[in-house]
Amino acid sequence: MTQTPPIASIDAVEHALSNAGYVCSRPLATVVFLALKLGRPLFLEGEAGVGKTEIAKALAATLGRRLIRLQCYEGLDAASAVYEWNFAAQMIEIRLAEAGAGGESREALARELFSEKFLIARPLLEAMRPQPGGPPVLLIDELDRTDEPFEAFLLEALSDFQVTIPELGAIKAPEPPIVVLTSNRTREVHDALKRRCLYHWVDYPDFQTELTILHAKAPEAAEALSREVVAFVQRLRTEDLFKKPGVAESIDWAKALVALDALALSPEVISNTLGALLKYQDDIAKIQGSEAARLLQEAKSEAE
């Protein structure tokens, strides 16, 4: 199903996302534009911390749409993602009926108990409902954390943009939501689901792009410090680490350095603040000391 794109061109996508604080490459702007124009889900894959989730947030802000987020986890099932019944409220209703306060027949009580009044909508159901301002942006985050049965269910839900509640029947979206799926690639997502989507690999940015991101997200950092931070992080990503720092960590580190009134990087400053950049002790131990000094020397030459 195609729809009129709310943003009329690739250039407009770049400009709009930039205004929302997201620095977007041309290939990414192109696939976002096509997802909007063709009404197709957008599947974003890449390392943790490269900005996949932020794309959905920026898109929702740009379009003035509600962002509905389904955070995936191991063991997530269809019921948890779609709806559940408010059992506590249902029990109260049953107790009131037993006490004679309601006066309904058993059949009427059953209909009442399984009505919208007692339904708790979870993200997938909420995204199928009409929203003020137009269809929402549905973010299905870290899909690789779930298992294959949930993927199969999601495939059906995204094909027809409807979900079924046995007591109420099928609920179909009047207009399909804008769907963004993300994966950190801790496991492969099934090809059948990927085929329903437009795909883009979100890679670590180059030096100039990451510097632009840092200017947008941590404008309080001085130019010289920002350049050293980006150069050091870029060098760090070439090392054999358990978890390489993403753009999110670059931003956090720059803000931490500003909070410490640091004007430039030094081996001591790096060693004292590595916890803002690296999240595993083995990685921190590997980089501290002489290794930090070596990387800093290389980074400073690149930052100049």
C-alpha atoms as a PDB file:
ATOM      1  CA  MET A   1       0.000   0.000   0.000  1.00  0.00           C
ATOM      2  CA  THR A   2       1.459   3.362  -1.052  1.00  0.00           C
ATOM      3  CA  GLN A   3       0.711   6.677   0.571  1.00  0.00           C
ATOM      4  CA  THR A   4       1.488  10.324  -0.037  1.00  0.00           C
ATOM      5  CA  PRO A   5       4.826  10.978   1.667  1.00  0.00           C
ATOM      6  CA  PRO A   6       4.564  13.582   4.430  1.00  0.00           C
ATOM      7  CA  ILE A   7       8.036  14.789   3.340  1.00  0.00           C
ATOM      8  CA  ALA A   8       8.242  15.469  -0.376  1.00  0.00           C
ATOM      9  CA  SER A   9      11.875  14.711  -1.267  1.00  0.00           C
ATOM     10  CA  ILE A  10      15.125  13.149  -0.077  1.00  0.00           C
ATOM     11  CA  ASP A  11      16.577  16.615   0.484  1.00  0.00           C
ATOM     12  CA  ALA A  12      13.550  17.465   2.620  1.00  0.00           C
ATOM     13  CA  VAL A  13      14.124  14.307   4.706  1.00  0.00           C
ATOM     14  CA  GLU A  14      17.749  15.313   5.342  1.00  0.00           C
ATOM     15  CA  HIS A  15      16.710  18.842   6.273  1.00  0.00           C
ATOM     16  CA  ALA A  16      13.809  17.755   8.500  1.00  0.00           C
ATOM     17  CA  LEU A  17      15.844  15.167  10.406  1.00  0.00           C
ATOM     18  CA  SER A  18      18.662  17.690  10.808  1.00  0.00           C
ATOM     19  CA  ASN A  19      16.180  20.134  12.358  1.00  0.00           C
ATOM     20  CA  ALA A  20      15.181  17.363  14.765  1.00  0.00           C
ATOM     21  CA  GLY A  21      18.848  16.963  15.786  1.00  0.00           C
ATOM     22  CA  TYR A  22      19.640  13.883  13.685  1.00  0.00           C
ATOM     23  CA  VAL A  23      22.567  14.053  11.253  1.00  0.00           C
ATOM     24  CA  CYS A  24      21.543  11.851   8.351  1.00  0.00           C
ATOM     25  CA  SER A  25      23.626  10.389   5.513  1.00  0.00           C
ATOM     26  CA  ARG A  26      22.289  10.520   1.953  1.00  0.00           C
ATOM     27  CA  PRO A  27      21.712   6.736   1.692  1.00  0.00           C
ATOM     28  CA  LEU A  28      19.804   6.739   4.994  1.00  0.00           C
ATOM     29  CA  ALA A  29      17.734   9.771   3.948  1.00  0.00           C
ATOM     30  CA  THR A  30      16.906   7.956   0.713  1.00  0.00           C
ATOM     31  CA  VAL A  31      15.661   4.785   2.417  1.00  0.00           C
ATOM     32  CA  VAL A  32      13.637   6.822   4.940  1.00  0.00           C
ATOM     33  CA  PHE A  33      12.017   8.739   2.082  1.00  0.00           C
ATOM     34  CA  LEU A  34      11.173   5.503   0.259  1.00  0.00           C
ATOM     35  CA  ALA A  35       9.733   3.939   3.415  1.00  0.00           C
ATOM     36  CA  LEU A  36       7.414   6.945   3.786  1.00  0.00           C
ATOM     37  CA  LYS A  37       6.491   7.079   0.091  1.00  0.00           C
ATOM     38  CA  LEU A  38       5.883   3.351  -0.345  1.00  0.00           C
ATOM     39  CA  GLY A  39       4.364   2.734   3.083  1.00  0.00           C
ATOM     40  CA  ARG A  40       6.923  -0.004   3.810  1.00  0.00           C
ATOM     41  CA  PRO A  41       8.434  -0.884   7.210  1.00  0.00           C
ATOM     42  CA  LEU A  42      12.031   0.277   7.640  1.00  0.00           C
ATOM     43  CA  PHE A  43      14.477  -2.314   9.002  1.00  0.00           C
ATOM     44  CA  LEU A  44      17.628  -0.784  10.510  1.00  0.00           C
ATOM     45  CA  GLU A  45      20.525  -2.998  11.487  1.00  0.00           C
ATOM     46  CA  GLY A  46      23.875  -2.060  13.009  1.00  0.00           C
ATOM     47  CA  GLU A  47      26.027  -2.061  16.114  1.00  0.00           C
ATOM     48  CA  ALA A  48      24.553  -0.813  19.386  1.00  0.00           C
ATOM     49  CA  GLY A  49      24.834   2.926  19.882  1.00  0.00           C
ATOM     50  CA  VAL A  50      25.009   4.035  16.239  1.00  0.00           C
ATOM     51  CA  GLY A  51      21.670   5.880  16.354  1.00  0.00           C
ATOM     52  CA  LYS A  52      19.085   3.401  15.038  1.00  0.00           C
ATOM     53  CA  THR A  53      16.521   4.149  17.741  1.00  0.00           C
ATOM     54  CA  GLU A  54      17.137   7.872  17.420  1.00  0.00           C
ATOM     55  CA  ILE A  55      16.037   7.751  13.783  1.00  0.00           C
ATOM     56  CA  ALA A  56      12.526   6.705  14.842  1.00  0.00           C
ATOM     57  CA  LYS A  57      12.427   9.393  17.538  1.00  0.00           C
ATOM     58  CA  ALA A  58      13.592  12.085  15.112  1.00  0.00           C
ATOM     59  CA  LEU A  59      11.094  10.900  12.489  1.00  0.00           C
ATOM     60  CA  ALA A  60       8.204  11.118  14.964  1.00  0.00           C
ATOM     61  CA  ALA A  61       9.284  14.608  16.053  1.00  0.00           C
ATOM     62  CA  THR A  62       9.705  15.717  12.435  1.00  0.00           C
ATOM     63  CA  LEU A  63       6.275  14.485  11.357  1.00  0.00           C
ATOM     64  CA  GLY A  64       4.498  15.550  14.528  1.00  0.00           C
ATOM     65  CA  ARG A  65       3.361  11.956  15.120  1.00  0.00           C
ATOM     66  CA  ARG A  66       3.098   9.945  18.282  1.00  0.00           C
ATOM     67  CA  LEU A  67       5.994   7.543  18.897  1.00  0.00           C
ATOM     68  CA  ILE A  68       4.893   4.106  20.122  1.00  0.00           C
ATOM     69  CA  ARG A  69       7.782   1.890  21.201  1.00  0.00           C
ATOM     70  CA  LEU A  70       7.808  -1.870  21.595  1.00  0.00           C
ATOM     71  CA  GLN A  71      11.017  -2.772  23.424  1.00  0.00           C
ATOM     72  CA  CYS A  72      11.808  -6.378  22.560  1.00  0.00           C
ATOM     73  CA  TYR A  73      13.262  -8.895  25.003  1.00  0.00           C
ATOM     74  CA  GLU A  74      13.798 -12.625  25.280  1.00  0.00           C
ATOM     75  CA  GLY A  75      10.470 -14.365  25.906  1.00  0.00           C
ATOM     76  CA  LEU A  76       8.304 -11.575  24.486  1.00  0.00           C
ATOM     77  CA  ASP A  77       5.088 -13.092  23.164  1.00  0.00           C
ATOM     78  CA  ALA A  78       2.184 -11.851  21.086  1.00  0.00           C
ATOM     79  CA  ALA A  79      -0.093 -11.288  24.088  1.00  0.00           C
ATOM     80  CA  SER A  80       2.431  -9.046  25.836  1.00  0.00           C
ATOM     81  CA  ALA A  81       3.007  -7.053  22.652  1.00  0.00           C
ATOM     82  CA  VAL A  82      -0.680  -6.659  21.699  1.00  0.00           C
ATOM     83  CA  TYR A  83      -2.990  -6.551  24.718  1.00  0.00           C
ATOM     84  CA  GLU A  84      -3.950  -7.953  28.077  1.00  0.00           C
ATOM     85  CA  TRP A  85      -7.083  -7.911  30.178  1.00  0.00           C
ATOM     86  CA  ASN A  86      -7.280  -5.915  33.401  1.00  0.00           C
ATOM     87  CA  PHE A  87      -7.861  -8.938  35.641  1.00  0.00           C
ATOM     88  CA  ALA A  88      -7.986  -6.917  38.867  1.00  0.00           C
ATOM     89  CA  ALA A  89     -10.772  -4.689  37.538  1.00  0.00           C
ATOM     90  CA  GLN A  90     -12.588  -7.725  36.125  1.00  0.00           C
ATOM     91  CA  MET A  91     -12.519  -9.437  39.548  1.00  0.00           C
ATOM     92  CA  ILE A  92     -13.982  -6.350  41.184  1.00  0.00           C
ATOM     93  CA  GLU A  93     -16.766  -6.325  38.592  1.00  0.00           C
ATOM     94  CA  ILE A  94     -17.465 -10.013  39.288  1.00  0.00           C
ATOM     95  CA  ARG A  95     -17.589  -9.393  43.057  1.00  0.00           C
ATOM     96  CA  LEU A  96     -20.009  -6.522  42.559  1.00  0.00           C
ATOM     97  CA  ALA A  97     -22.220  -8.696  40.365  1.00  0.00           C
ATOM     98  CA  GLU A  98     -22.169 -11.497  42.945  1.00  0.00           C
ATOM     99  CA  ALA A  99     -23.210  -8.991  45.608  1.00  0.00           C
ATOM    100  CA  GLY A 100     -26.170  -7.970  43.482  1.00  0.00           C
ATOM    101  CA  ALA A 101     -24.839  -4.486  42.811  1.00  0.00           C
ATOM    102  CA  GLY A 102     -24.842  -4.864  39.030  1.00  0.00           C
ATOM    103  CA  GLY A 103     -28.121  -6.585  38.254  1.00  0.00           C
ATOM    104  CA  GLU A 104     -26.841  -7.978  34.920  1.00  0.00           C
ATOM    105  CA  SER A 105     -27.450 -11.454  33.545  1.00  0.00           C
ATOM    106  CA  ARG A 106     -24.515 -13.851  33.303  1.00  0.00           C
ATOM    107  CA  GLU A 107     -24.302 -13.310  29.533  1.00  0.00           C
ATOM    108  CA  ALA A 108     -24.371  -9.540  29.904  1.00  0.00           C
ATOM    109  CA  LEU A 109     -21.683  -9.716  32.575  1.00  0.00           C
ATOM    110  CA  ALA A 110     -19.455 -11.824  30.310  1.00  0.00           C
ATOM    111  CA  ARG A 111     -19.839  -9.288  27.493  1.00  0.00           C
ATOM    112  CA  GLU A 112     -19.037  -6.466  29.885  1.00  0.00           C
ATOM    113  CA  LEU A 113     -15.953  -8.177  31.296  1.00  0.00           C
ATOM    114  CA  PHE A 114     -14.435  -8.641  27.846  1.00  0.00           C
ATOM    115  CA  SER A 115     -15.171  -5.212  26.460  1.00  0.00           C
ATOM    116  CA  GLU A 116     -12.923  -2.228  25.707  1.00  0.00           C
ATOM    117  CA  LYS A 117     -13.540  -1.035  29.255  1.00  0.00           C
ATOM    118  CA  PHE A 118     -11.248  -3.754  30.647  1.00  0.00           C
ATOM    119  CA  LEU A 119      -8.802  -3.954  27.752  1.00  0.00           C
ATOM    120  CA  ILE A 120      -5.210  -2.786  28.276  1.00  0.00           C
ATOM    121  CA  ALA A 121      -3.666  -1.970  24.900  1.00  0.00           C
ATOM    122  CA  ARG A 122      -0.009  -2.784  24.411  1.00  0.00           C
ATOM    123  CA  PRO A 123       2.159  -1.178  21.683  1.00  0.00           C
ATOM    124  CA  LEU A 124       1.060  -3.204  18.639  1.00  0.00           C
ATOM    125  CA  LEU A 125      -2.648  -2.717  19.353  1.00  0.00           C
ATOM    126  CA  GLU A 126      -2.131   0.941  20.233  1.00  0.00           C
ATOM    127  CA  ALA A 127      -0.394   1.501  16.899  1.00  0.00           C
ATOM    128  CA  MET A 128      -3.416   0.111  15.032  1.00  0.00           C
ATOM    129  CA  ARG A 129      -5.761   2.646  16.588  1.00  0.00           C
ATOM    130  CA  PRO A 130      -6.466   6.109  15.138  1.00  0.00           C
ATOM    131  CA  GLN A 131      -4.141   8.746  16.583  1.00  0.00           C
ATOM    132  CA  PRO A 132      -4.392  12.546  16.661  1.00  0.00           C
ATOM    133  CA  GLY A 133      -2.249  14.012  13.889  1.00  0.00           C
ATOM    134  CA  GLY A 134      -2.127  10.848  11.787  1.00  0.00           C
ATOM    135  CA  PRO A 135      -0.710   7.326  11.977  1.00  0.00           C
ATOM    136  CA  PRO A 136       1.964   6.935  14.676  1.00  0.00           C
ATOM    137  CA  VAL A 137       5.583   5.916  14.308  1.00  0.00           C
ATOM    138  CA  LEU A 138       5.797   2.354  15.628  1.00  0.00           C
ATOM    139  CA  LEU A 139       9.316   1.539  16.832  1.00  0.00           C
ATOM    140  CA  ILE A 140       9.995  -2.189  17.281  1.00  0.00           C
ATOM    141  CA  ASP A 141      13.329  -1.936  19.032  1.00  0.00           C
ATOM    142  CA  GLU A 142      16.026  -4.643  19.213  1.00  0.00           C
ATOM    143  CA  LEU A 143      14.003  -7.301  17.387  1.00  0.00           C
ATOM    144  CA  ASP A 144      16.995  -9.661  17.530  1.00  0.00           C
ATOM    145  CA  ARG A 145      16.332 -10.150  21.261  1.00  0.00           C
ATOM    146  CA  THR A 146      13.090 -12.047  20.541  1.00  0.00           C
ATOM    147  CA  ASP A 147      12.632 -15.551  19.127  1.00  0.00           C
ATOM    148  CA  GLU A 148      11.316 -16.964  15.857  1.00  0.00           C
ATOM    149  CA  PRO A 149       7.669 -17.526  16.958  1.00  0.00           C
ATOM    150  CA  PHE A 150       7.329 -13.828  17.737  1.00  0.00           C
ATOM    151  CA  GLU A 151       8.919 -12.963  14.393  1.00  0.00           C
ATOM    152  CA  ALA A 152       6.301 -15.138  12.657  1.00  0.00           C
ATOM    153  CA  PHE A 153       3.497 -13.357  14.485  1.00  0.00           C
ATOM    154  CA  LEU A 154       4.991  -9.980  13.647  1.00  0.00           C
ATOM    155  CA  LEU A 155       5.218 -10.946   9.983  1.00  0.00           C
ATOM    156  CA  GLU A 156       1.454 -11.485   9.880  1.00  0.00           C
ATOM    157  CA  ALA A 157       0.681  -8.345  11.878  1.00  0.00           C
ATOM    158  CA  LEU A 158       2.807  -6.131   9.621  1.00  0.00           C
ATOM    159  CA  SER A 159       1.503  -7.722   6.424  1.00  0.00           C
ATOM    160  CA  ASP A 160      -2.136  -6.854   7.129  1.00  0.00           C
ATOM    161  CA  PHE A 161      -1.651  -4.152   9.779  1.00  0.00           C
ATOM    162  CA  GLN A 162      -4.211  -5.814  11.974  1.00  0.00           C
ATOM    163  CA  VAL A 163      -4.301  -7.827  15.183  1.00  0.00           C
ATOM    164  CA  THR A 164      -6.932 -10.245  16.429  1.00  0.00           C
ATOM    165  CA  ILE A 165      -8.363 -10.339  19.932  1.00  0.00           C
ATOM    166  CA  PRO A 166     -10.452 -13.524  20.318  1.00  0.00           C
ATOM    167  CA  GLU A 167     -13.124 -11.833  22.442  1.00  0.00           C
ATOM    168  CA  LEU A 168     -13.430  -8.768  20.193  1.00  0.00           C
ATOM    169  CA  GLY A 169     -12.340  -9.945  16.727  1.00  0.00           C
ATOM    170  CA  ALA A 170      -9.911  -8.382  14.261  1.00  0.00           C
ATOM    171  CA  ILE A 171      -8.791  -4.787  14.765  1.00  0.00           C
ATOM    172  CA  LYS A 172      -7.360  -3.264  11.596  1.00  0.00           C
ATOM    173  CA  ALA A 173      -5.489   0.022  11.373  1.00  0.00           C
ATOM    174  CA  PRO A 174      -7.497   2.630   9.397  1.00  0.00           C
ATOM    175  CA  GLU A 175      -4.115   3.896   8.176  1.00  0.00           C
ATOM    176  CA  PRO A 176      -0.913   1.831   8.535  1.00  0.00           C
ATOM    177  CA  PRO A 177       1.552   3.153  11.103  1.00  0.00           C
ATOM    178  CA  ILE A 178       5.056   4.169  10.055  1.00  0.00           C
ATOM    179  CA  VAL A 179       7.067   1.151  11.207  1.00  0.00           C
ATOM    180  CA  VAL A 180      10.752   1.207  12.159  1.00  0.00           C
ATOM    181  CA  LEU A 181      12.402  -2.050  13.262  1.00  0.00           C
ATOM    182  CA  THR A 182      15.910  -2.173  14.701  1.00  0.00           C
ATOM    183  CA  SER A 183      18.385  -4.985  15.312  1.00  0.00           C
ATOM    184  CA  ASN A 184      21.847  -5.078  16.906  1.00  0.00           C
ATOM    185  CA  ARG A 185      22.458  -8.319  14.992  1.00  0.00           C
ATOM    186  CA  THR A 186      23.073 -10.495  18.033  1.00  0.00           C
ATOM    187  CA  ARG A 187      21.307 -13.101  15.861  1.00  0.00           C
ATOM    188  CA  GLU A 188      20.033 -13.144  12.299  1.00  0.00           C
ATOM    189  CA  VAL A 189      16.440 -12.034  11.742  1.00  0.00           C
ATOM    190  CA  HIS A 190      14.508 -14.301   9.370  1.00  0.00           C
ATOM    191  CA  ASP A 191      14.599 -13.405   5.678  1.00  0.00           C
ATOM    192  CA  ALA A 192      10.795 -13.534   5.410  1.00  0.00           C
ATOM    193  CA  LEU A 193      10.499 -10.549   7.739  1.00  0.00           C
ATOM    194  CA  LYS A 194      13.351  -8.651   6.091  1.00  0.00           C
ATOM    195  CA  ARG A 195      11.683  -9.071   2.683  1.00  0.00           C
ATOM    196  CA  ARG A 196       8.667  -7.122   3.919  1.00  0.00           C
ATOM    197  CA  CYS A 197      10.908  -4.177   4.792  1.00  0.00           C
ATOM    198  CA  LEU A 198      13.282  -1.688   3.267  1.00  0.00           C
ATOM    199  CA  TYR A 199      16.725  -2.459   4.727  1.00  0.00           C
ATOM    200  CA  HIS A 200      19.586  -0.207   5.775  1.00  0.00           C
ATOM    201  CA  TRP A 201      22.807  -0.926   7.648  1.00  0.00           C
ATOM    202  CA  VAL A 202      23.583   1.945  10.031  1.00  0.00           C
ATOM    203  CA  ASP A 203      27.366   2.069  10.285  1.00  0.00           C
ATOM    204  CA  TYR A 204      29.689   4.068  12.508  1.00  0.00           C
ATOM    205  CA  PRO A 205      29.969   7.588  11.039  1.00  0.00           C
ATOM    206  CA  ASP A 206      33.134   8.986   9.490  1.00  0.00           C
ATOM    207  CA  PHE A 207      35.132  11.704  11.267  1.00  0.00           C
ATOM    208  CA  GLN A 208      33.321  14.724   9.848  1.00  0.00           C
ATOM    209  CA  THR A 209      29.837  13.246  10.312  1.00  0.00           C
ATOM    210  CA  GLU A 210      30.527  12.285  13.914  1.00  0.00           C
ATOM    211  CA  LEU A 211      31.944  15.743  14.587  1.00  0.00           C
ATOM    212  CA  THR A 212      28.754  17.282  13.187  1.00  0.00           C
ATOM    213  CA  ILE A 213      26.701  14.983  15.436  1.00  0.00           C
ATOM    214  CA  LEU A 214      28.755  16.037  18.443  1.00  0.00           C
ATOM    215  CA  HIS A 215      28.222  19.715  17.604  1.00  0.00           C
ATOM    216  CA  ALA A 216      24.469  19.071  17.497  1.00  0.00           C
ATOM    217  CA  LYS A 217      24.199  16.913  20.635  1.00  0.00           C
ATOM    218  CA  ALA A 218      26.963  18.430  22.818  1.00  0.00           C
ATOM    219  CA  PRO A 219      27.277  22.041  21.620  1.00  0.00           C
ATOM    220  CA  GLU A 220      28.804  23.081  24.934  1.00  0.00           C
ATOM    221  CA  ALA A 221      32.013  21.191  24.095  1.00  0.00           C
ATOM    222  CA  ALA A 222      34.746  23.396  22.617  1.00  0.00           C
ATOM    223  CA  GLU A 223      35.716  22.797  18.998  1.00  0.00           C
ATOM    224  CA  ALA A 224      39.221  21.580  19.819  1.00  0.00           C
ATOM    225  CA  LEU A 225      37.951  19.171  22.477  1.00  0.00           C
ATOM    226  CA  SER A 226      35.211  17.860  20.163  1.00  0.00           C
ATOM    227  CA  ARG A 227      37.740  17.138  17.430  1.00  0.00           C
ATOM    228  CA  GLU A 228      40.017  15.276  19.868  1.00  0.00           C
ATOM    229  CA  VAL A 229      37.082  13.267  21.245  1.00  0.00           C
ATOM    230  CA  VAL A 230      35.949  12.186  17.788  1.00  0.00           C
ATOM    231  CA  ALA A 231      39.484  11.366  16.626  1.00  0.00           C
ATOM    232  CA  PHE A 232      40.183   9.314  19.778  1.00  0.00           C
ATOM    233  CA  VAL A 233      36.891   7.398  19.515  1.00  0.00           C
ATOM    234  CA  GLN A 234      37.495   6.709  15.830  1.00  0.00           C
ATOM    235  CA  ARG A 235      40.957   5.310  16.666  1.00  0.00           C
ATOM    236  CA  LEU A 236      39.461   3.296  19.529  1.00  0.00           C
ATOM    237  CA  ARG A 237      37.057   1.559  17.146  1.00  0.00           C
ATOM    238  CA  THR A 238      40.016   0.089  15.260  1.00  0.00           C
ATOM    239  CA  GLU A 239      41.145  -1.751  18.414  1.00  0.00           C
ATOM    240  CA  ASP A 240      40.159  -5.313  19.297  1.00  0.00           C
ATOM    241  CA  LEU A 241      37.527  -4.545  21.941  1.00  0.00           C
ATOM    242  CA  PHE A 242      34.631  -6.596  23.297  1.00  0.00           C
ATOM    243  CA  LYS A 243      32.270  -3.636  22.751  1.00  0.00           C
ATOM    244  CA  LYS A 244      33.343  -0.724  20.602  1.00  0.00           C
ATOM    245  CA  PRO A 245      31.945   2.668  21.602  1.00  0.00           C
ATOM    246  CA  GLY A 246      29.017   3.967  19.577  1.00  0.00           C
ATOM    247  CA  VAL A 247      27.986   7.515  18.805  1.00  0.00           C
ATOM    248  CA  ALA A 248      25.908   7.561  21.990  1.00  0.00           C
ATOM    249  CA  GLU A 249      29.076   6.917  24.027  1.00  0.00           C
ATOM    250  CA  SER A 250      30.950   9.660  22.150  1.00  0.00           C
ATOM    251  CA  ILE A 251      28.243  12.135  23.146  1.00  0.00           C
ATOM    252  CA  ASP A 252      28.200  10.926  26.761  1.00  0.00           C
ATOM    253  CA  TRP A 253      31.987  11.194  26.981  1.00  0.00           C
ATOM    254  CA  ALA A 254      32.063  14.706  25.536  1.00  0.00           C
ATOM    255  CA  LYS A 255      29.429  15.837  28.050  1.00  0.00           C
ATOM    256  CA  ALA A 256      31.366  14.201  30.905  1.00  0.00           C
ATOM    257  CA  LEU A 257      34.549  16.010  29.843  1.00  0.00           C
ATOM    258  CA  VAL A 258      32.706  19.341  29.711  1.00  0.00           C
ATOM    259  CA  ALA A 259      31.314  18.680  33.211  1.00  0.00           C
ATOM    260  CA  LEU A 260      34.924  18.244  34.384  1.00  0.00           C
ATOM    261  CA  ASP A 261      35.947  21.520  32.686  1.00  0.00           C
ATOM    262  CA  ALA A 262      38.402  19.625  30.485  1.00  0.00           C
ATOM    263  CA  LEU A 263      39.695  21.711  27.588  1.00  0.00           C
ATOM    264  CA  ALA A 264      41.776  18.953  25.984  1.00  0.00           C
ATOM    265  CA  LEU A 265      42.418  15.230  26.303  1.00  0.00           C
ATOM    266  CA  SER A 266      45.339  13.839  28.286  1.00  0.00           C
ATOM    267  CA  PRO A 267      46.212  10.257  29.273  1.00  0.00           C
ATOM    268  CA  GLU A 268      45.140  11.020  32.845  1.00  0.00           C
ATOM    269  CA  VAL A 269      41.797  12.524  31.829  1.00  0.00           C
ATOM    270  CA  ILE A 270      41.150   9.568  29.502  1.00  0.00           C
ATOM    271  CA  SER A 271      41.931   6.992  32.205  1.00  0.00           C
ATOM    272  CA  ASN A 272      39.667   8.761  34.712  1.00  0.00           C
ATOM    273  CA  THR A 273      36.694   8.955  32.336  1.00  0.00           C
ATOM    274  CA  LEU A 274      36.859   5.737  30.318  1.00  0.00           C
ATOM    275  CA  GLY A 275      33.758   4.468  32.129  1.00  0.00           C
ATOM    276  CA  ALA A 276      31.697   6.935  30.105  1.00  0.00           C
ATOM    277  CA  LEU A 277      33.076   5.482  26.883  1.00  0.00           C
ATOM    278  CA  LEU A 278      33.695   1.772  27.487  1.00  0.00           C
ATOM    279  CA  LYS A 279      31.325  -0.541  29.360  1.00  0.00           C
ATOM    280  CA  TYR A 280      33.453  -3.624  30.020  1.00  0.00           C
ATOM    281  CA  GLN A 281      36.313  -3.776  32.517  1.00  0.00           C
ATOM    282  CA  ASP A 282      38.504  -5.868  30.191  1.00  0.00           C
ATOM    283  CA  ASP A 283      38.229  -3.133  27.544  1.00  0.00           C
ATOM    284  CA  ILE A 284      38.990  -0.393  30.073  1.00  0.00           C
ATOM    285  CA  ALA A 285      42.027  -2.279  31.417  1.00  0.00           C
ATOM    286  CA  LYS A 286      43.315  -2.779  27.873  1.00  0.00           C
ATOM    287  CA  ILE A 287      43.129   0.929  26.980  1.00  0.00           C
ATOM    288  CA  GLN A 288      44.391   2.516  30.211  1.00  0.00           C
ATOM    289  CA  GLY A 289      47.967   3.738  30.602  1.00  0.00           C
ATOM    290  CA  SER A 290      50.431   3.590  27.740  1.00  0.00           C
ATOM    291  CA  GLU A 291      47.826   2.365  25.252  1.00  0.00           C
ATOM    292  CA  ALA A 292      45.674   5.446  25.938  1.00  0.00           C
ATOM    293  CA  ALA A 293      48.740   7.656  25.447  1.00  0.00           C
ATOM    294  CA  ARG A 294      49.519   5.987  22.113  1.00  0.00           C
ATOM    295  CA  LEU A 295      45.966   6.324  20.824  1.00  0.00           C
ATOM    296  CA  LEU A 296      45.820   9.923  22.014  1.00  0.00           C
ATOM    297  CA  GLN A 297      48.991  10.824  20.170  1.00  0.00           C
ATOM    298  CA  GLU A 298      47.598   9.323  16.959  1.00  0.00           C
ATOM    299  CA  ALA A 299      44.227  11.010  17.529  1.00  0.00           C
ATOM    300  CA  LYS A 300      45.745  14.442  18.081  1.00  0.00           C
ATOM    301  CA  SER A 301      47.575  14.270  14.759  1.00  0.00           C
ATOM    302  CA  GLU A 302      44.295  13.395  13.013  1.00  0.00           C
ATOM    303  CA  ALA A 303      42.308  16.074  14.853  1.00  0.00           C
ATOM    304  CA  GLU A 304      44.626  18.907  13.772  1.00  0.00           C
END
